[in-house]
Amino acid sequence: MKRLKLTLAYEGTRYDGWQRQGNTENTVQGRLEALLSRTVGEAVEVHGCGRTDAGVHARMQVCHFDVSDRMSVPELLSALRQYLPEDIAALALAETEPRFHARLSCREKTYVYRINTGETRDVFRRRFELFAPGSLDETAMAEAARLLTGMHDYRAFTNNHRTKKSTVRTVTGIRLTRDGELLSLWFTGDGFLYNMVRIMTGTLLEVGEGKRRPQDMTAILESLDRAQAGPMAPAQGLTLWEVKY
């Protein structure tokens, strides 16, 4: 058996998220495992570096799986590129060390959330951005973002209320960039909780709209209460941008 590291990109619009689920076959992981299993003639289980939600995209999703030596790496990569759906791309495939784990070995992830603040929808980017026309106080948003960075318990920013695992994470940076009418929020950290980036985005948007003050972020973090944070931003604006090991 050999362990392979696969790098993917996908448009998440028509999928029920990354993770395989019992009530649907329409997940990225499920489609990938089905194709790999048929191709190599054995059951293949894929482990991803993160579980993107339904409708969320990935520019760089890394995963690993174990297979026998029936096919060479170039042959398997060629098959993936030929038979994967057109909205899932196999970017790279390579043999890796047996102890490599796509999630546990990951050192840093970056997500980007894109917001169209113009007066009209961009019909060509509508699947990849939130349409939110109007002006935003980006100075206030940047200050709020600064207060959300660091090592904190982010329980107030997750929809997984029943988790018994630690909700402490380190967010090393949240920055805002603008390109014309497009505002992008960049989130970098060692890991993110379920729906965390989308809830943080919704909260920062409320700051930009004047509905919250930047200094409210400290109280929200300390509350550990999801009800104190803002709404969850829609899925289509979010992309898993980069993963580092």
Protein backbone atom coordinates (compact mmCIF):
# COMPACT_ATOMS: atom_id res chain seq x y z
CA MET A 1 0.00 0.00 0.00
CA LYS A 2 1.08 3.56 -0.63
CA ARG A 3 -0.24 6.87 0.69
CA LEU A 4 -1.04 9.52 -1.90
CA LYS A 5 -1.52 13.25 -1.44
CA LEU A 6 -4.09 14.80 -3.78
CA THR A 7 -4.65 18.53 -4.31
CA LEU A 8 -8.07 19.52 -5.66
CA ALA A 9 -9.99 22.61 -6.68
CA TYR A 10 -13.76 22.65 -6.95
CA GLU A 11 -16.80 24.83 -7.34
CA GLY A 12 -19.07 23.87 -4.47
CA THR A 13 -22.32 25.30 -5.86
CA ARG A 14 -24.07 22.02 -6.64
CA TYR A 15 -22.60 19.88 -3.87
CA ASP A 16 -23.83 19.15 -0.37
CA GLY A 17 -20.42 20.03 1.01
CA TRP A 18 -17.14 18.13 1.13
CA GLN A 19 -17.95 15.44 3.67
CA ARG A 20 -19.54 12.14 2.70
CA GLN A 21 -23.04 11.84 4.21
CA GLY A 22 -25.49 9.00 4.65
CA ASN A 23 -28.47 10.87 3.20
CA THR A 24 -26.86 12.07 -0.04
CA GLU A 25 -24.30 10.89 -2.56
CA ASN A 26 -23.80 14.43 -3.84
CA THR A 27 -20.68 15.41 -1.90
CA VAL A 28 -17.19 16.09 -3.16
CA GLN A 29 -15.68 13.39 -0.96
CA GLY A 30 -18.37 10.92 -2.00
CA ARG A 31 -17.86 11.55 -5.71
CA LEU A 32 -14.10 11.29 -5.34
CA GLU A 33 -14.18 8.06 -3.34
CA ALA A 34 -16.60 6.44 -5.79
CA LEU A 35 -14.38 7.29 -8.76
CA LEU A 36 -11.17 6.20 -7.04
CA SER A 37 -12.71 2.91 -5.91
CA ARG A 38 -13.93 2.09 -9.42
CA THR A 39 -10.62 3.09 -10.98
CA VAL A 40 -8.28 1.08 -8.74
CA GLY A 41 -10.69 -1.80 -8.10
CA GLU A 42 -10.69 -1.55 -4.32
CA ALA A 43 -12.43 0.46 -1.63
CA VAL A 44 -10.76 3.84 -1.12
CA GLU A 45 -11.37 6.19 1.81
CA VAL A 46 -10.33 9.82 1.32
CA HIS A 47 -9.37 12.16 4.18
CA GLY A 48 -9.55 15.90 3.52
CA CYS A 49 -7.78 18.79 5.22
CA GLY A 50 -11.13 20.49 5.91
CA ARG A 51 -14.86 20.04 5.55
CA THR A 52 -16.25 22.81 3.39
CA ASP A 53 -20.00 23.46 3.75
CA ALA A 54 -22.59 22.99 1.04
CA GLY A 55 -22.05 25.67 -1.60
CA VAL A 56 -18.54 26.61 -0.43
CA HIS A 57 -15.70 26.44 -2.95
CA ALA A 58 -12.06 25.38 -2.76
CA ARG A 59 -9.11 26.72 -4.72
CA MET A 60 -6.85 24.34 -2.80
CA GLN A 61 -8.26 21.34 -0.96
CA VAL A 62 -5.69 18.74 0.08
CA CYS A 63 -6.58 15.15 0.88
CA HIS A 64 -4.87 11.79 1.28
CA PHE A 65 -5.78 8.16 0.70
CA ASP A 66 -4.12 4.73 0.69
CA VAL A 67 -4.10 2.47 -2.37
CA SER A 68 -2.26 -0.60 -3.63
CA ASP A 69 0.34 -0.48 -6.39
CA ARG A 70 -2.07 -1.55 -9.14
CA MET A 71 -1.76 1.80 -10.91
CA SER A 72 1.09 4.27 -11.13
CA VAL A 73 0.63 7.78 -9.81
CA PRO A 74 0.64 9.36 -13.31
CA GLU A 75 -1.96 6.82 -14.52
CA LEU A 76 -4.23 7.52 -11.57
CA LEU A 77 -3.90 11.29 -11.95
CA SER A 78 -4.73 10.98 -15.63
CA ALA A 79 -7.87 8.97 -14.79
CA LEU A 80 -8.98 11.53 -12.21
CA ARG A 81 -8.55 14.37 -14.67
CA GLN A 82 -10.51 12.48 -17.30
CA TYR A 83 -13.46 11.28 -15.23
CA LEU A 84 -14.01 13.81 -12.42
CA PRO A 85 -16.97 16.17 -13.00
CA GLU A 86 -16.12 19.43 -14.73
CA ASP A 87 -16.49 21.39 -11.48
CA ILE A 88 -13.84 19.30 -9.66
CA ALA A 89 -10.21 19.48 -10.81
CA ALA A 90 -7.30 17.25 -9.77
CA LEU A 91 -4.39 19.69 -9.57
CA ALA A 92 -1.64 17.41 -8.32
CA LEU A 93 -1.09 13.86 -7.06
CA ALA A 94 2.05 12.51 -5.43
CA GLU A 95 3.15 9.72 -3.14
CA THR A 96 3.81 10.93 0.39
CA GLU A 97 5.15 9.56 3.65
CA PRO A 98 2.96 6.98 5.44
CA ARG A 99 2.43 9.25 8.47
CA PHE A 100 1.19 12.22 6.44
CA HIS A 101 -2.39 13.22 7.32
CA ALA A 102 -4.18 15.88 5.29
CA ARG A 103 -5.91 17.36 8.35
CA LEU A 104 -3.62 16.58 11.26
CA SER A 105 -0.45 17.58 9.41
CA CYS A 106 -1.92 20.88 8.26
CA ARG A 107 -0.18 23.92 9.72
CA GLU A 108 -2.26 26.80 8.34
CA LYS A 109 -5.39 27.48 6.28
CA THR A 110 -6.57 30.62 4.50
CA TYR A 111 -10.16 31.31 3.49
CA VAL A 112 -11.41 34.28 1.49
CA TYR A 113 -14.94 35.69 1.58
CA ARG A 114 -15.87 37.95 -1.35
CA ILE A 115 -18.53 40.67 -1.22
CA ASN A 116 -19.84 42.66 -4.17
CA THR A 117 -20.73 46.10 -2.80
CA GLY A 118 -21.68 47.56 -6.20
CA GLU A 119 -25.12 48.56 -7.42
CA THR A 120 -25.62 45.57 -9.73
CA ARG A 121 -24.98 41.86 -9.51
CA ASP A 122 -22.07 40.47 -11.47
CA VAL A 123 -23.73 37.66 -13.43
CA PHE A 124 -20.39 35.98 -14.06
CA ARG A 125 -19.27 35.97 -10.42
CA ARG A 126 -22.63 35.50 -8.70
CA ARG A 127 -21.74 31.95 -7.58
CA PHE A 128 -18.54 33.16 -5.92
CA GLU A 129 -19.54 36.30 -4.04
CA LEU A 130 -22.20 37.82 -1.81
CA PHE A 131 -24.14 40.66 -3.39
CA ALA A 132 -24.43 43.34 -0.68
CA PRO A 133 -24.85 46.75 -2.36
CA GLY A 134 -24.07 49.84 -0.33
CA SER A 135 -21.23 51.41 1.58
CA LEU A 136 -19.51 49.72 4.51
CA ASP A 137 -17.36 51.26 7.24
CA GLU A 138 -14.22 49.32 6.39
CA THR A 139 -12.17 51.09 9.06
CA ALA A 140 -14.54 49.80 11.73
CA MET A 141 -14.53 46.34 10.16
CA ALA A 142 -10.72 46.26 10.20
CA GLU A 143 -10.68 47.21 13.89
CA ALA A 144 -13.24 44.53 14.69
CA ALA A 145 -11.21 42.01 12.70
CA ARG A 146 -8.13 42.90 14.74
CA LEU A 147 -10.00 42.11 17.96
CA LEU A 148 -11.03 38.73 16.58
CA THR A 149 -7.46 37.65 15.83
CA GLY A 150 -5.20 35.78 18.22
CA MET A 151 -5.75 32.68 20.32
CA HIS A 152 -9.33 32.63 21.62
CA ASP A 153 -12.18 30.31 22.46
CA TYR A 154 -14.41 30.81 19.40
CA ARG A 155 -17.43 28.92 20.73
CA ALA A 156 -19.61 31.98 20.01
CA PHE A 157 -18.67 31.68 16.33
CA THR A 158 -19.70 28.09 15.63
CA ASN A 159 -23.03 26.40 15.00
CA ASN A 160 -21.79 23.12 16.45
CA HIS A 161 -23.27 23.55 19.92
CA ARG A 162 -22.82 19.93 21.00
CA THR A 163 -19.12 19.56 20.36
CA LYS A 164 -17.08 18.22 23.25
CA LYS A 165 -13.81 19.07 21.54
CA SER A 166 -11.85 22.22 22.22
CA THR A 167 -13.17 25.34 20.49
CA VAL A 168 -9.90 27.22 21.02
CA ARG A 169 -8.22 28.25 17.79
CA THR A 170 -5.49 30.67 16.73
CA VAL A 171 -6.47 33.12 14.00
CA THR A 172 -3.24 34.72 12.86
CA GLY A 173 -4.80 37.31 10.58
CA ILE A 174 -8.02 38.78 9.22
CA ARG A 175 -7.46 41.41 6.56
CA LEU A 176 -9.62 43.38 4.16
CA THR A 177 -8.71 44.09 0.55
CA ARG A 178 -10.64 45.99 -2.07
CA ASP A 179 -10.61 45.79 -5.84
CA GLY A 180 -13.17 48.23 -7.19
CA GLU A 181 -16.61 47.09 -6.02
CA LEU A 182 -15.24 43.79 -4.70
CA LEU A 183 -14.41 43.61 -0.98
CA SER A 184 -12.52 40.50 0.15
CA LEU A 185 -12.08 39.30 3.72
CA TRP A 186 -9.06 37.02 4.23
CA PHE A 187 -8.99 34.67 7.24
CA THR A 188 -5.81 32.80 8.15
CA GLY A 189 -5.36 30.47 11.10
CA ASP A 190 -4.37 27.06 12.35
CA GLY A 191 -7.92 25.79 11.94
CA PHE A 192 -11.54 26.91 11.91
CA LEU A 193 -14.68 25.59 13.60
CA TYR A 194 -17.89 24.57 11.84
CA ASN A 195 -19.34 27.67 10.09
CA MET A 196 -16.80 29.86 11.93
CA VAL A 197 -15.61 31.95 8.97
CA ARG A 198 -19.16 32.56 7.73
CA ILE A 199 -20.35 33.65 11.19
CA MET A 200 -17.35 35.94 11.61
CA THR A 201 -18.08 37.42 8.19
CA GLY A 202 -21.72 38.04 9.07
CA THR A 203 -20.65 39.72 12.30
CA LEU A 204 -18.08 41.92 10.56
CA LEU A 205 -20.70 42.93 8.00
CA GLU A 206 -22.92 44.13 10.83
CA VAL A 207 -20.02 46.23 12.08
CA GLY A 208 -19.60 47.68 8.59
CA GLU A 209 -23.29 48.51 8.47
CA GLY A 210 -23.15 50.31 11.83
CA LYS A 211 -25.25 47.71 13.65
CA ARG A 212 -22.40 46.77 15.99
CA ARG A 213 -19.30 48.47 17.36
CA PRO A 214 -15.83 47.02 16.82
CA GLN A 215 -15.29 46.73 20.58
CA ASP A 216 -18.32 44.43 20.81
CA MET A 217 -16.12 41.62 19.46
CA THR A 218 -14.40 41.17 22.81
CA ALA A 219 -17.70 40.71 24.63
CA ILE A 220 -18.92 38.26 22.00
CA LEU A 221 -15.80 36.13 22.36
CA GLU A 222 -16.04 36.16 26.14
CA SER A 223 -19.74 35.22 26.09
CA LEU A 224 -19.08 31.82 24.43
CA ASP A 225 -22.68 32.21 23.24
CA ARG A 226 -23.56 31.78 19.56
CA ALA A 227 -26.62 34.01 20.01
CA GLN A 228 -24.36 36.99 20.72
CA ALA A 229 -22.61 36.86 17.32
CA GLY A 230 -24.02 37.96 13.99
CA PRO A 231 -25.79 35.96 11.29
CA MET A 232 -24.04 33.38 9.16
CA ALA A 233 -23.06 34.78 5.77
CA PRO A 234 -24.27 32.80 2.71
CA ALA A 235 -22.08 29.99 1.45
CA GLN A 236 -21.36 31.13 -2.09
CA GLY A 237 -18.99 33.93 -1.09
CA LEU A 238 -16.55 31.61 0.69
CA THR A 239 -13.54 29.83 -0.81
CA LEU A 240 -10.89 27.69 0.86
CA TRP A 241 -7.93 29.50 -0.67
CA GLU A 242 -4.70 27.93 0.57
CA VAL A 243 -3.42 25.17 2.82
CA LYS A 244 0.10 24.99 4.23
CA TYR A 245 2.04 22.07 5.72
